[in-house]
Amino acid sequence: MQADWIRSLETNRHGRPILTENGARELATLGEAAGQWYVAPFAMRWTVGKFGDEYVSRLHVLDERGEPLCFFDEGEAKRYLERELNVPKELIVNLGANPLMLELPGQRALRQRTA
């Protein structure tokens, strides 16, 4: 069963859920109920996103062009989540170390699959 918050997201032209900045702001207001967020290396920079469920493992936060938000370094990405979206520090995971082997409590290892 897909998480309730994922069903409420906008979808792309292929019907896959996408996480816009506005959608991320709304989700962040749910606090722990929405689960964990992440910072991760992306195209020689860093991006931010939200862990999903067993069907959609991760969702990058997208800008107005539909591209993942990019930051010059890990600290800038983390500050965006903390200051702009008000995500508590304890809900942010750094995927820079080994993103393919990360396991969260109650989940199998996440695969490199994004919506």
Protein backbone atom coordinates (compact mmCIF):
# COMPACT_ATOMS: atom_id res chain seq x y z
CA MET A 1 0.00 0.00 0.00
CA GLN A 2 1.39 3.36 -1.01
CA ALA A 3 1.90 5.96 1.72
CA ASP A 4 -0.98 8.45 1.94
CA TRP A 5 1.27 11.46 1.43
CA ILE A 6 2.67 9.98 -1.81
CA ARG A 7 -0.83 9.64 -3.28
CA SER A 8 -1.41 13.35 -2.61
CA LEU A 9 1.58 14.46 -4.73
CA GLU A 10 1.45 15.85 -8.24
CA THR A 11 2.38 13.40 -10.99
CA ASN A 12 4.55 13.72 -14.07
CA ARG A 13 3.41 12.93 -17.61
CA HIS A 14 4.12 9.24 -16.95
CA GLY A 15 1.87 9.16 -13.89
CA ARG A 16 4.76 8.92 -11.41
CA PRO A 17 4.62 11.05 -8.26
CA ILE A 18 6.86 14.12 -8.13
CA LEU A 19 7.86 16.25 -5.16
CA THR A 20 7.79 19.96 -5.97
CA GLU A 21 9.12 22.61 -3.60
CA ASN A 22 5.56 23.51 -2.61
CA GLY A 23 4.75 19.84 -2.01
CA ALA A 24 7.90 19.51 0.10
CA ARG A 25 6.88 22.53 2.19
CA GLU A 26 3.48 20.96 2.87
CA LEU A 27 5.01 17.60 3.77
CA ALA A 28 7.51 19.19 6.12
CA THR A 29 4.63 20.52 8.22
CA LEU A 30 3.70 16.89 9.03
CA GLY A 31 6.98 16.47 10.93
CA GLU A 32 7.76 12.90 11.95
CA ALA A 33 4.51 11.64 10.41
CA ALA A 34 6.04 12.16 6.95
CA GLY A 35 9.23 10.28 7.83
CA GLN A 36 12.83 10.97 6.91
CA TRP A 37 14.42 13.36 4.43
CA TYR A 38 17.84 13.12 2.80
CA VAL A 39 20.77 15.05 1.36
CA ALA A 40 22.64 13.24 -1.41
CA PRO A 41 25.35 13.77 -4.02
CA PHE A 42 23.85 14.63 -7.41
CA ALA A 43 25.59 15.64 -10.67
CA MET A 44 28.78 16.93 -8.99
CA ARG A 45 26.68 18.84 -6.43
CA TRP A 46 24.14 17.96 -3.72
CA THR A 47 20.39 17.57 -3.75
CA VAL A 48 17.65 17.05 -1.18
CA GLY A 49 14.66 14.78 -1.09
CA LYS A 50 12.25 12.59 0.79
CA PHE A 51 12.27 8.86 1.46
CA GLY A 52 9.16 7.21 0.09
CA ASP A 53 7.79 3.72 0.56
CA GLU A 54 8.28 0.27 -0.95
CA TYR A 55 7.01 1.46 -4.36
CA VAL A 56 8.82 4.81 -4.61
CA SER A 57 12.03 4.65 -2.60
CA ARG A 58 13.16 8.28 -2.95
CA LEU A 59 11.81 11.54 -4.34
CA HIS A 60 14.14 14.45 -5.09
CA VAL A 61 12.67 17.89 -4.43
CA LEU A 62 12.19 19.49 -7.87
CA ASP A 63 12.48 23.12 -8.92
CA GLU A 64 10.03 24.99 -11.18
CA ARG A 65 11.69 23.46 -14.28
CA GLY A 66 11.18 19.94 -12.96
CA GLU A 67 14.89 19.47 -12.17
CA PRO A 68 16.24 18.33 -8.79
CA LEU A 69 17.26 21.23 -6.55
CA CYS A 70 21.06 21.52 -6.56
CA PHE A 71 23.36 22.91 -3.89
CA PHE A 72 27.12 23.47 -4.00
CA ASP A 73 27.84 21.48 -0.85
CA GLU A 74 26.30 19.16 1.70
CA GLY A 75 25.98 21.87 4.35
CA GLU A 76 24.01 24.15 2.05
CA ALA A 77 21.63 21.29 1.19
CA LYS A 78 21.14 20.41 4.85
CA ARG A 79 20.55 24.08 5.78
CA TYR A 80 17.86 24.28 3.08
CA LEU A 81 15.96 21.40 4.70
CA GLU A 82 16.42 22.78 8.21
CA ARG A 83 15.78 26.47 7.54
CA GLU A 84 13.56 26.68 4.48
CA LEU A 85 11.43 23.57 5.09
CA ASN A 86 11.82 23.43 8.91
CA VAL A 87 12.77 19.75 8.87
CA PRO A 88 14.19 18.69 12.26
CA LYS A 89 17.89 17.65 12.15
CA GLU A 90 17.07 14.17 13.44
CA LEU A 91 14.91 13.47 10.35
CA ILE A 92 17.72 14.24 7.87
CA VAL A 93 19.90 11.40 6.55
CA ASN A 94 23.15 11.96 4.63
CA LEU A 95 23.37 9.59 1.66
CA GLY A 96 26.87 10.75 0.76
CA ALA A 97 28.60 7.82 2.45
CA ASN A 98 26.96 4.83 0.75
CA PRO A 99 23.47 5.42 -0.67
CA LEU A 100 22.95 1.90 -2.01
CA MET A 101 23.52 0.12 1.29
CA LEU A 102 21.41 2.37 3.51
CA GLU A 103 18.83 0.53 5.56
CA LEU A 104 16.19 2.25 7.61
CA PRO A 105 14.35 0.59 10.47
CA GLY A 106 11.54 -1.57 9.09
CA GLN A 107 12.71 -1.31 5.47
CA ARG A 108 14.83 -3.44 3.21
CA ALA A 109 17.90 -1.82 1.65
CA LEU A 110 16.91 1.00 -0.68
CA ARG A 111 17.67 0.62 -4.37
CA GLN A 112 18.71 3.41 -6.70
CA ARG A 113 15.18 4.06 -7.94
CA THR A 114 13.64 7.50 -8.01
CA ALA A 115 10.33 8.70 -9.33
